[in-house]
Amino acid sequence: MDGCTHTLSKKIIYILIKLCCKKDLLSRTTSTPILNIGRNFNLFIYLRKKEKGIWNSNNPLTELPFEFRLRVSNKKPNKYVGDYEKKEYVEPSKYKHIPVENRVFFHFKSEPASEGYKER
């Protein structure tokens, strides 16, 4: 991983798999974080296109875990958000402009440029 807080990582993959398991989309035998991000990234793209799991329009995930933490602590987003595929980033308040599966979070404004991201 690079120097940024890369949420398209084992942790987010694990969280998304757990959410999909909760909605009976994946085997419940998945007990450890999956390390093959490429394979699982394709799975999440498929699930999103088919509106399955957390993307089910009849039963959507209402907020991501970090959104919940912000809401209950009455805080505003404070991390710059990059698009992993486009290598662009936005200010913290515009995080929803980046597809959830492409998000990369940066703690400091200087980090995205140092990682090769351009401001959108």
N, C-alpha and C. Protein backbone atom coordinates (compact mmCIF):
# COMPACT_ATOMS: atom_id res chain seq x y z
N MET A 1 0.84 -1.18 0.00
CA MET A 1 0.00 0.00 0.00
C MET A 1 0.88 1.24 0.00
N ASP A 2 0.33 2.33 -0.49
CA ASP A 2 1.07 3.58 -0.51
C ASP A 2 0.91 4.28 0.83
N GLY A 3 1.38 5.53 0.94
CA GLY A 3 1.39 6.24 2.20
C GLY A 3 0.04 6.75 2.65
N CYS A 4 -0.99 6.67 1.83
CA CYS A 4 -2.30 7.20 2.21
C CYS A 4 -3.12 6.16 2.94
N THR A 5 -4.22 6.60 3.53
CA THR A 5 -5.15 5.67 4.16
C THR A 5 -6.00 5.11 3.04
N HIS A 6 -5.70 3.94 2.61
CA HIS A 6 -6.31 3.36 1.42
C HIS A 6 -7.48 2.48 1.84
N THR A 7 -8.72 2.99 1.71
CA THR A 7 -9.85 2.23 2.22
C THR A 7 -10.32 1.16 1.26
N LEU A 8 -9.81 1.17 0.04
CA LEU A 8 -10.09 0.03 -0.83
C LEU A 8 -9.03 -1.00 -0.52
N SER A 9 -9.07 -1.46 0.70
CA SER A 9 -8.04 -2.33 1.24
C SER A 9 -8.71 -3.53 1.88
N LYS A 10 -7.91 -4.32 2.53
CA LYS A 10 -8.43 -5.52 3.20
C LYS A 10 -9.58 -5.17 4.13
N LYS A 11 -9.47 -4.04 4.83
CA LYS A 11 -10.49 -3.68 5.81
C LYS A 11 -11.84 -3.41 5.15
N ILE A 12 -11.86 -2.59 4.10
CA ILE A 12 -13.13 -2.28 3.43
C ILE A 12 -13.67 -3.49 2.70
N ILE A 13 -12.78 -4.24 2.04
CA ILE A 13 -13.22 -5.46 1.38
C ILE A 13 -13.88 -6.37 2.40
N TYR A 14 -13.26 -6.51 3.56
CA TYR A 14 -13.81 -7.35 4.62
C TYR A 14 -15.18 -6.85 5.08
N ILE A 15 -15.31 -5.54 5.28
CA ILE A 15 -16.59 -4.96 5.71
C ILE A 15 -17.66 -5.21 4.65
N LEU A 16 -17.34 -4.96 3.38
CA LEU A 16 -18.32 -5.17 2.32
C LEU A 16 -18.71 -6.63 2.20
N ILE A 17 -17.75 -7.53 2.34
CA ILE A 17 -18.07 -8.96 2.29
C ILE A 17 -18.99 -9.32 3.44
N LYS A 18 -18.69 -8.80 4.64
CA LYS A 18 -19.55 -9.08 5.79
C LYS A 18 -20.98 -8.57 5.55
N LEU A 19 -21.10 -7.36 4.97
CA LEU A 19 -22.42 -6.83 4.67
C LEU A 19 -23.15 -7.68 3.65
N CYS A 20 -22.42 -8.14 2.63
CA CYS A 20 -23.04 -9.01 1.63
C CYS A 20 -23.44 -10.34 2.25
N CYS A 21 -22.61 -10.88 3.14
CA CYS A 21 -22.95 -12.12 3.82
C CYS A 21 -24.21 -11.94 4.66
N LYS A 22 -24.30 -10.78 5.29
CA LYS A 22 -25.47 -10.49 6.12
C LYS A 22 -26.74 -10.51 5.28
N LYS A 23 -26.62 -10.14 4.03
CA LYS A 23 -27.78 -10.13 3.14
C LYS A 23 -27.83 -11.41 2.31
N ASP A 24 -27.12 -12.47 2.74
CA ASP A 24 -27.12 -13.79 2.11
C ASP A 24 -26.66 -13.80 0.67
N LEU A 25 -25.68 -12.99 0.34
CA LEU A 25 -25.17 -12.98 -1.03
C LEU A 25 -23.89 -13.77 -1.18
N LEU A 26 -23.17 -13.96 -0.10
CA LEU A 26 -21.93 -14.71 -0.14
C LEU A 26 -21.97 -15.78 0.93
N SER A 27 -21.14 -16.76 0.77
CA SER A 27 -21.07 -17.84 1.74
C SER A 27 -20.73 -17.29 3.12
N ARG A 28 -21.39 -17.76 4.12
CA ARG A 28 -21.11 -17.32 5.48
C ARG A 28 -19.81 -17.94 6.01
N THR A 29 -19.16 -18.78 5.22
CA THR A 29 -17.91 -19.38 5.67
C THR A 29 -16.74 -18.42 5.50
N THR A 30 -16.96 -17.26 4.88
CA THR A 30 -15.89 -16.28 4.73
C THR A 30 -15.63 -15.67 6.10
N SER A 31 -14.61 -16.15 6.78
CA SER A 31 -14.37 -15.69 8.15
C SER A 31 -13.12 -14.82 8.27
N THR A 32 -12.31 -14.74 7.23
CA THR A 32 -11.11 -13.92 7.28
C THR A 32 -11.13 -12.92 6.15
N PRO A 33 -10.45 -11.79 6.29
CA PRO A 33 -10.42 -10.82 5.21
C PRO A 33 -9.86 -11.45 3.93
N ILE A 34 -10.48 -11.16 2.83
CA ILE A 34 -10.03 -11.67 1.55
C ILE A 34 -8.90 -10.78 1.07
N LEU A 35 -7.81 -11.36 0.64
CA LEU A 35 -6.64 -10.59 0.28
C LEU A 35 -6.56 -10.26 -1.21
N ASN A 36 -7.34 -10.95 -2.05
CA ASN A 36 -7.28 -10.70 -3.49
C ASN A 36 -8.24 -9.56 -3.84
N ILE A 37 -7.77 -8.33 -3.75
CA ILE A 37 -8.62 -7.16 -3.97
C ILE A 37 -9.17 -7.13 -5.37
N GLY A 38 -8.37 -7.47 -6.38
CA GLY A 38 -8.84 -7.45 -7.77
C GLY A 38 -10.05 -8.32 -8.00
N ARG A 39 -10.00 -9.56 -7.51
CA ARG A 39 -11.12 -10.48 -7.69
C ARG A 39 -12.35 -9.96 -6.98
N ASN A 40 -12.18 -9.47 -5.75
CA ASN A 40 -13.32 -8.99 -4.99
C ASN A 40 -13.84 -7.66 -5.52
N PHE A 41 -12.96 -6.83 -6.05
CA PHE A 41 -13.41 -5.58 -6.65
C PHE A 41 -14.39 -5.90 -7.79
N ASN A 42 -14.07 -6.90 -8.61
CA ASN A 42 -14.98 -7.31 -9.68
C ASN A 42 -16.30 -7.82 -9.13
N LEU A 43 -16.25 -8.52 -8.01
CA LEU A 43 -17.47 -9.00 -7.37
C LEU A 43 -18.34 -7.82 -6.95
N PHE A 44 -17.73 -6.80 -6.35
CA PHE A 44 -18.52 -5.65 -5.91
C PHE A 44 -19.09 -4.87 -7.09
N ILE A 45 -18.34 -4.78 -8.18
CA ILE A 45 -18.88 -4.13 -9.38
C ILE A 45 -20.09 -4.91 -9.88
N TYR A 46 -19.99 -6.23 -9.91
CA TYR A 46 -21.10 -7.08 -10.33
C TYR A 46 -22.31 -6.88 -9.42
N LEU A 47 -22.09 -6.94 -8.09
CA LEU A 47 -23.19 -6.77 -7.14
C LEU A 47 -23.85 -5.41 -7.29
N ARG A 48 -23.05 -4.38 -7.53
CA ARG A 48 -23.61 -3.04 -7.69
C ARG A 48 -24.46 -2.96 -8.96
N LYS A 49 -23.96 -3.49 -10.06
CA LYS A 49 -24.71 -3.47 -11.32
C LYS A 49 -26.02 -4.24 -11.22
N LYS A 50 -25.99 -5.35 -10.48
CA LYS A 50 -27.18 -6.20 -10.33
C LYS A 50 -28.06 -5.74 -9.17
N GLU A 51 -27.65 -4.65 -8.49
CA GLU A 51 -28.38 -4.12 -7.33
C GLU A 51 -28.61 -5.19 -6.26
N LYS A 52 -27.53 -5.86 -5.91
CA LYS A 52 -27.58 -6.89 -4.87
C LYS A 52 -26.90 -6.38 -3.61
N GLY A 53 -27.20 -7.01 -2.49
CA GLY A 53 -26.55 -6.69 -1.23
C GLY A 53 -26.77 -5.25 -0.81
N ILE A 54 -25.70 -4.56 -0.48
CA ILE A 54 -25.82 -3.19 0.01
C ILE A 54 -26.30 -2.22 -1.07
N TRP A 55 -26.31 -2.67 -2.33
CA TRP A 55 -26.79 -1.82 -3.43
C TRP A 55 -28.22 -2.17 -3.85
N ASN A 56 -28.89 -3.04 -3.09
CA ASN A 56 -30.26 -3.43 -3.40
C ASN A 56 -31.17 -2.22 -3.20
N SER A 57 -31.80 -1.75 -4.28
CA SER A 57 -32.63 -0.55 -4.18
C SER A 57 -33.87 -0.77 -3.32
N ASN A 58 -34.27 -2.03 -3.11
CA ASN A 58 -35.41 -2.32 -2.24
C ASN A 58 -35.02 -2.37 -0.76
N ASN A 59 -33.74 -2.54 -0.47
CA ASN A 59 -33.26 -2.63 0.90
C ASN A 59 -31.83 -2.09 0.96
N PRO A 60 -31.63 -0.81 0.67
CA PRO A 60 -30.27 -0.28 0.57
C PRO A 60 -29.61 -0.06 1.93
N LEU A 61 -28.29 -0.05 1.89
CA LEU A 61 -27.51 0.35 3.06
C LEU A 61 -27.71 1.86 3.18
N THR A 62 -28.23 2.32 4.30
CA THR A 62 -28.57 3.73 4.43
C THR A 62 -27.37 4.64 4.66
N GLU A 63 -26.34 4.11 5.30
CA GLU A 63 -25.13 4.89 5.48
C GLU A 63 -23.94 3.96 5.71
N LEU A 64 -22.80 4.41 5.27
CA LEU A 64 -21.58 3.64 5.48
C LEU A 64 -21.13 3.80 6.93
N PRO A 65 -20.31 2.87 7.43
CA PRO A 65 -19.87 2.96 8.83
C PRO A 65 -19.24 4.30 9.19
N PHE A 66 -18.41 4.86 8.32
CA PHE A 66 -17.78 6.14 8.66
C PHE A 66 -18.81 7.27 8.68
N GLU A 67 -19.86 7.16 7.84
CA GLU A 67 -20.93 8.17 7.87
C GLU A 67 -21.69 8.10 9.19
N PHE A 68 -21.92 6.89 9.66
CA PHE A 68 -22.57 6.71 10.96
C PHE A 68 -21.75 7.35 12.07
N ARG A 69 -20.43 7.08 12.07
CA ARG A 69 -19.57 7.65 13.11
C ARG A 69 -19.58 9.17 13.07
N LEU A 70 -19.57 9.74 11.86
CA LEU A 70 -19.63 11.20 11.74
C LEU A 70 -20.95 11.73 12.30
N ARG A 71 -22.04 11.08 11.93
CA ARG A 71 -23.37 11.55 12.36
C ARG A 71 -23.53 11.49 13.86
N VAL A 72 -23.18 10.37 14.48
CA VAL A 72 -23.40 10.24 15.93
C VAL A 72 -22.45 11.10 16.74
N SER A 73 -21.30 11.43 16.18
CA SER A 73 -20.38 12.31 16.90
C SER A 73 -20.54 13.77 16.48
N ASN A 74 -21.53 14.03 15.64
CA ASN A 74 -21.84 15.38 15.19
C ASN A 74 -20.61 16.07 14.57
N LYS A 75 -19.92 15.32 13.71
CA LYS A 75 -18.73 15.85 13.03
C LYS A 75 -18.97 15.91 11.53
N LYS A 76 -18.14 16.68 10.86
CA LYS A 76 -18.18 16.78 9.40
C LYS A 76 -17.00 15.99 8.84
N PRO A 77 -17.11 15.54 7.57
CA PRO A 77 -15.98 14.83 6.97
C PRO A 77 -14.72 15.69 7.02
N ASN A 78 -13.58 15.05 7.28
CA ASN A 78 -12.34 15.81 7.41
C ASN A 78 -11.18 15.22 6.60
N LYS A 79 -11.47 14.22 5.77
CA LYS A 79 -10.42 13.62 4.96
C LYS A 79 -10.69 13.89 3.47
N TYR A 80 -9.63 14.19 2.75
CA TYR A 80 -9.74 14.36 1.30
C TYR A 80 -9.97 12.98 0.69
N VAL A 81 -10.77 12.95 -0.37
CA VAL A 81 -11.18 11.66 -0.94
C VAL A 81 -10.75 11.57 -2.39
N GLY A 82 -10.01 10.52 -2.70
CA GLY A 82 -9.54 10.31 -4.06
C GLY A 82 -10.32 9.23 -4.76
N ASP A 83 -10.31 9.31 -6.09
CA ASP A 83 -10.87 8.26 -6.94
C ASP A 83 -9.68 7.41 -7.39
N TYR A 84 -9.62 6.20 -6.91
CA TYR A 84 -8.49 5.31 -7.16
C TYR A 84 -8.26 5.08 -8.65
N GLU A 85 -9.34 4.98 -9.43
CA GLU A 85 -9.20 4.71 -10.86
C GLU A 85 -8.84 5.95 -11.67
N LYS A 86 -9.45 7.08 -11.35
CA LYS A 86 -9.23 8.31 -12.13
C LYS A 86 -8.04 9.12 -11.62
N LYS A 87 -7.54 8.77 -10.43
CA LYS A 87 -6.43 9.51 -9.81
C LYS A 87 -6.77 10.99 -9.65
N GLU A 88 -8.02 11.26 -9.24
CA GLU A 88 -8.50 12.61 -8.92
C GLU A 88 -8.95 12.60 -7.47
N TYR A 89 -8.99 13.79 -6.86
CA TYR A 89 -9.48 13.87 -5.48
C TYR A 89 -10.37 15.09 -5.30
N VAL A 90 -11.18 15.04 -4.23
CA VAL A 90 -12.10 16.13 -3.89
C VAL A 90 -11.90 16.49 -2.42
N GLU A 91 -12.41 17.66 -2.05
CA GLU A 91 -12.35 18.07 -0.65
C GLU A 91 -13.28 17.19 0.17
N PRO A 92 -13.07 17.14 1.48
CA PRO A 92 -13.84 16.23 2.33
C PRO A 92 -15.36 16.29 2.18
N SER A 93 -15.92 17.46 2.06
CA SER A 93 -17.38 17.58 2.00
C SER A 93 -17.98 17.01 0.71
N LYS A 94 -17.15 16.75 -0.28
CA LYS A 94 -17.65 16.25 -1.57
C LYS A 94 -17.37 14.75 -1.77
N TYR A 95 -17.17 14.02 -0.67
CA TYR A 95 -16.80 12.61 -0.77
C TYR A 95 -17.82 11.78 -1.55
N LYS A 96 -19.09 12.17 -1.54
CA LYS A 96 -20.12 11.39 -2.24
C LYS A 96 -19.98 11.45 -3.76
N HIS A 97 -19.15 12.36 -4.26
CA HIS A 97 -18.92 12.45 -5.71
C HIS A 97 -18.01 11.32 -6.21
N ILE A 98 -17.39 10.62 -5.29
CA ILE A 98 -16.49 9.52 -5.64
C ILE A 98 -17.22 8.20 -5.38
N PRO A 99 -17.27 7.31 -6.39
CA PRO A 99 -17.93 6.01 -6.16
C PRO A 99 -17.31 5.29 -4.96
N VAL A 100 -18.14 4.71 -4.15
CA VAL A 100 -17.69 4.10 -2.89
C VAL A 100 -16.59 3.07 -3.12
N GLU A 101 -16.68 2.30 -4.19
CA GLU A 101 -15.68 1.26 -4.42
C GLU A 101 -14.34 1.81 -4.91
N ASN A 102 -14.28 3.10 -5.26
CA ASN A 102 -13.03 3.72 -5.74
C ASN A 102 -12.40 4.66 -4.72
N ARG A 103 -13.00 4.80 -3.56
CA ARG A 103 -12.54 5.81 -2.60
C ARG A 103 -11.22 5.48 -1.93
N VAL A 104 -10.40 6.51 -1.85
CA VAL A 104 -9.13 6.49 -1.13
C VAL A 104 -9.16 7.73 -0.25
N PHE A 105 -8.96 7.58 1.04
CA PHE A 105 -9.00 8.71 1.95
C PHE A 105 -7.59 9.18 2.31
N PHE A 106 -7.42 10.50 2.34
CA PHE A 106 -6.14 11.11 2.67
C PHE A 106 -6.32 12.00 3.90
N HIS A 107 -5.40 11.93 4.84
CA HIS A 107 -5.50 12.73 6.06
C HIS A 107 -5.15 14.20 5.85
N PHE A 108 -4.24 14.48 4.93
CA PHE A 108 -3.76 15.85 4.74
C PHE A 108 -3.93 16.27 3.28
N LYS A 109 -4.15 17.56 3.06
CA LYS A 109 -4.35 18.08 1.71
C LYS A 109 -3.13 17.82 0.81
N SER A 110 -1.96 17.75 1.38
CA SER A 110 -0.74 17.54 0.59
C SER A 110 -0.58 16.10 0.09
N GLU A 111 -1.26 15.16 0.72
CA GLU A 111 -1.08 13.74 0.37
C GLU A 111 -1.54 13.36 -1.03
N PRO A 112 -2.72 13.79 -1.49
CA PRO A 112 -3.15 13.33 -2.82
C PRO A 112 -2.14 13.67 -3.92
N ALA A 113 -1.66 14.90 -3.93
CA ALA A 113 -0.70 15.30 -4.98
C ALA A 113 0.57 14.47 -4.89
N SER A 114 1.02 14.19 -3.67
CA SER A 114 2.25 13.40 -3.53
C SER A 114 2.05 11.95 -3.99
N GLU A 115 0.80 11.50 -4.06
CA GLU A 115 0.48 10.16 -4.54
C GLU A 115 0.06 10.16 -6.01
N GLY A 116 0.15 11.32 -6.67
CA GLY A 116 -0.16 11.41 -8.10
C GLY A 116 -1.61 11.72 -8.44
N TYR A 117 -2.39 12.18 -7.47
CA TYR A 117 -3.79 12.54 -7.70
C TYR A 117 -3.89 14.01 -8.06
N LYS A 118 -4.83 14.32 -8.96
CA LYS A 118 -5.10 15.70 -9.37
C LYS A 118 -6.42 16.15 -8.74
N GLU A 119 -6.49 17.41 -8.39
CA GLU A 119 -7.74 17.95 -7.81
C GLU A 119 -8.81 18.01 -8.88
N ARG A 120 -9.99 17.56 -8.54
CA ARG A 120 -11.13 17.55 -9.48
C ARG A 120 -11.79 18.89 -9.46
